């Protein structure tokens, strides 16, 4: 599902216009991005938790050449789904 399909379905379910729905989704994503920049997790009840984690520096080996390379530390976005979402995925969406 791409962004346009998502906005269309959300608009149909919520009863808002496409423009209003697009603005709401953009606002929510913007607020989440602001929290990520500050290092704060975003928890959505019944869905899961998004958080920024620091991946440590590590040594990596190129499988083609066997050359060792040092990968610097970096920040990555991590998602932990809620138990409800996990159960729904496990049951094929029928939960």
N, C-alpha and C. Protein backbone atom coordinates (compact mmCIF):
# COMPACT_ATOMS: atom_id res chain seq x y z
N UNK A 1 0.86 -1.17 0.00
CA UNK A 1 0.00 0.00 0.00
C UNK A 1 0.90 1.23 0.00
N UNK A 2 0.67 2.11 -0.94
CA UNK A 2 1.47 3.34 -0.97
C UNK A 2 0.73 4.45 -0.21
N UNK A 3 1.36 5.62 -0.15
CA UNK A 3 0.82 6.74 0.62
C UNK A 3 -0.56 7.16 0.11
N UNK A 4 -0.73 7.22 -1.20
CA UNK A 4 -2.01 7.66 -1.77
C UNK A 4 -3.13 6.69 -1.40
N UNK A 5 -2.86 5.39 -1.50
CA UNK A 5 -3.86 4.39 -1.12
C UNK A 5 -4.20 4.47 0.36
N UNK A 6 -3.17 4.67 1.19
CA UNK A 6 -3.38 4.78 2.63
C UNK A 6 -4.26 5.98 2.96
N UNK A 7 -3.96 7.13 2.37
CA UNK A 7 -4.74 8.35 2.61
C UNK A 7 -6.18 8.15 2.15
N UNK A 8 -6.36 7.53 1.01
CA UNK A 8 -7.71 7.30 0.48
C UNK A 8 -8.52 6.41 1.41
N UNK A 9 -7.95 5.30 1.85
CA UNK A 9 -8.68 4.38 2.75
C UNK A 9 -8.97 5.05 4.09
N UNK A 10 -7.99 5.78 4.62
CA UNK A 10 -8.19 6.46 5.89
C UNK A 10 -9.27 7.53 5.77
N UNK A 11 -9.30 8.22 4.65
CA UNK A 11 -10.31 9.24 4.40
C UNK A 11 -11.71 8.62 4.35
N UNK A 12 -11.81 7.48 3.68
CA UNK A 12 -13.11 6.80 3.59
C UNK A 12 -13.60 6.33 4.96
N UNK A 13 -12.68 5.79 5.77
CA UNK A 13 -13.06 5.29 7.09
C UNK A 13 -13.40 6.41 8.07
N UNK A 14 -12.67 7.52 7.98
CA UNK A 14 -12.85 8.60 8.95
C UNK A 14 -13.96 9.57 8.56
N UNK A 15 -14.26 9.65 7.27
CA UNK A 15 -15.29 10.58 6.82
C UNK A 15 -14.77 11.98 6.54
N UNK A 16 -13.46 12.17 6.66
CA UNK A 16 -12.85 13.47 6.34
C UNK A 16 -12.49 13.52 4.87
N UNK A 17 -12.29 14.74 4.35
CA UNK A 17 -11.89 14.89 2.95
C UNK A 17 -10.45 14.41 2.77
N UNK A 18 -10.06 14.18 1.53
CA UNK A 18 -8.70 13.74 1.24
C UNK A 18 -7.67 14.76 1.71
N UNK A 19 -7.97 16.06 1.49
CA UNK A 19 -7.04 17.13 1.92
C UNK A 19 -6.87 17.13 3.43
N UNK A 20 -7.99 17.05 4.17
CA UNK A 20 -7.92 17.06 5.63
C UNK A 20 -7.18 15.83 6.15
N UNK A 21 -7.44 14.68 5.55
CA UNK A 21 -6.77 13.45 5.96
C UNK A 21 -5.27 13.54 5.70
N UNK A 22 -4.90 14.09 4.54
CA UNK A 22 -3.47 14.25 4.20
C UNK A 22 -2.79 15.16 5.21
N UNK A 23 -3.46 16.25 5.59
CA UNK A 23 -2.89 17.19 6.57
C UNK A 23 -2.72 16.52 7.94
N UNK A 24 -3.71 15.71 8.34
CA UNK A 24 -3.62 15.02 9.63
C UNK A 24 -2.46 14.03 9.65
N UNK A 25 -2.34 13.24 8.59
CA UNK A 25 -1.26 12.25 8.52
C UNK A 25 0.10 12.95 8.51
N UNK A 26 0.21 14.04 7.75
CA UNK A 26 1.46 14.80 7.71
C UNK A 26 1.80 15.37 9.09
N UNK A 27 0.79 15.85 9.80
CA UNK A 27 1.01 16.39 11.15
C UNK A 27 1.47 15.31 12.12
N UNK A 28 0.86 14.15 12.05
CA UNK A 28 1.24 13.05 12.94
C UNK A 28 2.67 12.61 12.66
N UNK A 29 3.02 12.46 11.40
CA UNK A 29 4.37 12.04 11.03
C UNK A 29 5.38 13.11 11.43
N UNK A 30 5.03 14.37 11.26
CA UNK A 30 5.92 15.46 11.68
C UNK A 30 6.16 15.46 13.17
N UNK A 31 5.10 15.23 13.95
CA UNK A 31 5.24 15.18 15.41
C UNK A 31 6.10 14.00 15.83
N UNK A 32 5.93 12.86 15.16
CA UNK A 32 6.75 11.69 15.47
C UNK A 32 8.22 11.98 15.15
N UNK A 33 8.47 12.60 14.00
CA UNK A 33 9.85 12.92 13.60
C UNK A 33 10.51 13.86 14.61
N UNK A 34 9.76 14.81 15.12
CA UNK A 34 10.29 15.73 16.14
C UNK A 34 10.71 14.95 17.38
N UNK A 35 9.88 14.01 17.81
CA UNK A 35 10.23 13.19 18.97
C UNK A 35 11.47 12.35 18.69
N UNK A 36 11.60 11.80 17.48
CA UNK A 36 12.77 11.00 17.14
C UNK A 36 14.04 11.83 17.18
N UNK A 37 13.94 13.08 16.70
CA UNK A 37 15.11 13.97 16.74
C UNK A 37 15.55 14.25 18.16
N UNK A 38 14.59 14.30 19.08
CA UNK A 38 14.89 14.55 20.49
C UNK A 38 15.27 13.27 21.23
N UNK A 39 15.19 12.13 20.54
CA UNK A 39 15.54 10.85 21.17
C UNK A 39 14.43 10.24 21.99
N UNK A 40 13.22 10.79 21.87
CA UNK A 40 12.08 10.31 22.64
C UNK A 40 11.34 9.20 21.87
N UNK A 41 10.94 8.14 22.55
CA UNK A 41 10.15 7.10 21.88
C UNK A 41 8.72 7.56 21.65
N UNK A 42 8.06 6.96 20.67
CA UNK A 42 6.65 7.24 20.39
C UNK A 42 5.89 5.93 20.57
N UNK A 43 4.97 5.91 21.54
CA UNK A 43 4.20 4.71 21.82
C UNK A 43 2.77 4.93 21.35
N UNK A 44 2.28 4.03 20.51
CA UNK A 44 0.91 4.09 20.01
C UNK A 44 0.18 2.87 20.58
N UNK A 45 -0.78 3.12 21.47
CA UNK A 45 -1.49 2.04 22.14
C UNK A 45 -2.16 1.11 21.12
N UNK A 46 -1.99 -0.18 21.33
CA UNK A 46 -2.59 -1.16 20.45
C UNK A 46 -1.82 -1.37 19.15
N UNK A 47 -0.75 -0.63 18.92
CA UNK A 47 0.03 -0.78 17.69
C UNK A 47 1.48 -1.13 17.99
N UNK A 48 2.17 -0.28 18.76
CA UNK A 48 3.56 -0.57 19.09
C UNK A 48 4.32 0.67 19.48
N UNK A 49 5.65 0.51 19.60
CA UNK A 49 6.51 1.59 20.03
C UNK A 49 7.63 1.80 19.03
N UNK A 50 7.82 3.05 18.63
CA UNK A 50 8.94 3.45 17.78
C UNK A 50 9.96 4.12 18.69
N UNK A 51 11.23 3.74 18.54
CA UNK A 51 12.27 4.38 19.35
C UNK A 51 13.57 4.45 18.57
N UNK A 52 14.37 5.45 18.93
CA UNK A 52 15.68 5.63 18.31
C UNK A 52 16.71 4.90 19.18
N UNK A 53 17.49 4.03 18.56
CA UNK A 53 18.53 3.30 19.29
C UNK A 53 19.88 3.60 18.65
N UNK A 54 20.91 3.48 19.46
CA UNK A 54 22.27 3.69 18.96
C UNK A 54 22.88 2.34 18.63
N UNK A 55 23.27 2.17 17.38
CA UNK A 55 23.96 0.96 16.97
C UNK A 55 25.45 1.19 17.19
N UNK A 56 26.08 0.30 17.91
CA UNK A 56 27.49 0.46 18.28
C UNK A 56 28.43 0.25 17.09
N UNK A 57 29.64 0.76 17.25
CA UNK A 57 30.68 0.57 16.25
C UNK A 57 31.01 -0.92 16.18
N UNK A 58 31.25 -1.43 14.96
CA UNK A 58 31.54 -2.85 14.82
C UNK A 58 32.47 -3.10 13.63
N UNK A 59 33.08 -4.26 13.63
CA UNK A 59 33.95 -4.67 12.53
C UNK A 59 33.13 -5.56 11.61
N UNK A 60 33.21 -5.27 10.32
CA UNK A 60 32.45 -6.01 9.33
C UNK A 60 33.42 -6.58 8.31
N UNK A 61 33.14 -7.77 7.80
CA UNK A 61 34.01 -8.38 6.79
C UNK A 61 33.27 -8.44 5.47
N UNK A 62 33.88 -7.88 4.43
CA UNK A 62 33.32 -7.94 3.08
C UNK A 62 33.42 -9.38 2.60
N UNK A 63 32.30 -10.05 2.32
CA UNK A 63 32.35 -11.46 1.94
C UNK A 63 33.04 -11.71 0.60
N UNK A 64 33.02 -10.74 -0.28
CA UNK A 64 33.63 -10.92 -1.60
C UNK A 64 35.16 -10.83 -1.54
N UNK A 65 35.68 -9.90 -0.73
CA UNK A 65 37.12 -9.69 -0.70
C UNK A 65 37.78 -10.18 0.58
N UNK A 66 36.99 -10.40 1.63
CA UNK A 66 37.54 -10.80 2.91
C UNK A 66 38.16 -9.65 3.69
N UNK A 67 38.02 -8.44 3.16
CA UNK A 67 38.60 -7.26 3.80
C UNK A 67 37.76 -6.84 5.01
N UNK A 68 38.45 -6.54 6.12
CA UNK A 68 37.76 -6.07 7.33
C UNK A 68 37.57 -4.57 7.25
N UNK A 69 36.37 -4.12 7.65
CA UNK A 69 36.05 -2.70 7.63
C UNK A 69 35.44 -2.32 8.97
N UNK A 70 35.72 -1.11 9.41
CA UNK A 70 35.15 -0.60 10.65
C UNK A 70 33.90 0.21 10.31
N UNK A 71 32.76 -0.21 10.86
CA UNK A 71 31.50 0.49 10.63
C UNK A 71 31.28 1.41 11.81
N UNK A 72 31.15 2.72 11.58
CA UNK A 72 30.99 3.67 12.68
C UNK A 72 29.63 3.52 13.38
N UNK A 73 29.52 4.00 14.62
CA UNK A 73 28.23 3.95 15.30
C UNK A 73 27.22 4.86 14.61
N UNK A 74 25.94 4.48 14.70
CA UNK A 74 24.90 5.32 14.10
C UNK A 74 23.59 5.13 14.85
N UNK A 75 22.67 6.05 14.63
CA UNK A 75 21.34 5.98 15.23
C UNK A 75 20.40 5.32 14.23
N UNK A 76 19.58 4.39 14.72
CA UNK A 76 18.61 3.70 13.86
C UNK A 76 17.24 3.75 14.52
N UNK A 77 16.21 3.72 13.70
CA UNK A 77 14.84 3.71 14.19
C UNK A 77 14.40 2.27 14.37
N UNK A 78 13.86 1.96 15.55
CA UNK A 78 13.45 0.60 15.88
C UNK A 78 11.96 0.59 16.16
N UNK A 79 11.27 -0.50 15.78
CA UNK A 79 9.85 -0.64 16.04
C UNK A 79 9.60 -1.94 16.78
N UNK A 80 8.87 -1.85 17.90
CA UNK A 80 8.45 -3.03 18.65
C UNK A 80 6.93 -3.10 18.58
N UNK A 81 6.37 -4.08 17.87
CA UNK A 81 4.92 -4.16 17.78
C UNK A 81 4.31 -4.59 19.10
N UNK A 82 3.05 -4.19 19.30
CA UNK A 82 2.34 -4.58 20.52
C UNK A 82 1.94 -6.05 20.41
N UNK A 83 1.54 -6.63 21.51
CA UNK A 83 1.11 -8.02 21.53
C UNK A 83 -0.09 -8.23 20.62
N UNK A 84 -1.00 -7.26 20.58
CA UNK A 84 -2.17 -7.37 19.71
C UNK A 84 -1.77 -7.47 18.25
N UNK A 85 -0.83 -6.65 17.82
CA UNK A 85 -0.37 -6.66 16.43
C UNK A 85 0.35 -7.98 16.14
N UNK A 86 1.20 -8.42 17.06
CA UNK A 86 1.91 -9.69 16.87
C UNK A 86 0.93 -10.84 16.70
N UNK A 87 -0.08 -10.90 17.56
CA UNK A 87 -1.07 -11.97 17.49
C UNK A 87 -1.85 -11.92 16.19
N UNK A 88 -2.19 -10.72 15.74
CA UNK A 88 -2.95 -10.58 14.50
C UNK A 88 -2.13 -11.05 13.30
N UNK A 89 -0.84 -10.72 13.29
CA UNK A 89 0.03 -11.15 12.19
C UNK A 89 0.20 -12.67 12.21
N UNK A 90 0.39 -13.24 13.41
CA UNK A 90 0.57 -14.68 13.53
C UNK A 90 -0.65 -15.46 13.04
N UNK A 91 -1.84 -14.89 13.30
CA UNK A 91 -3.07 -15.59 12.91
C UNK A 91 -3.50 -15.26 11.49
N UNK A 92 -2.70 -14.51 10.77
CA UNK A 92 -3.03 -14.19 9.38
C UNK A 92 -4.01 -13.05 9.24
N UNK A 93 -4.13 -12.20 10.26
CA UNK A 93 -5.01 -11.03 10.18
C UNK A 93 -6.42 -11.30 10.61
N UNK A 94 -6.69 -12.49 11.17
CA UNK A 94 -8.07 -12.85 11.55
C UNK A 94 -8.37 -12.64 13.01
N UNK A 95 -7.41 -12.14 13.79
CA UNK A 95 -7.63 -11.97 15.24
C UNK A 95 -8.46 -10.74 15.53
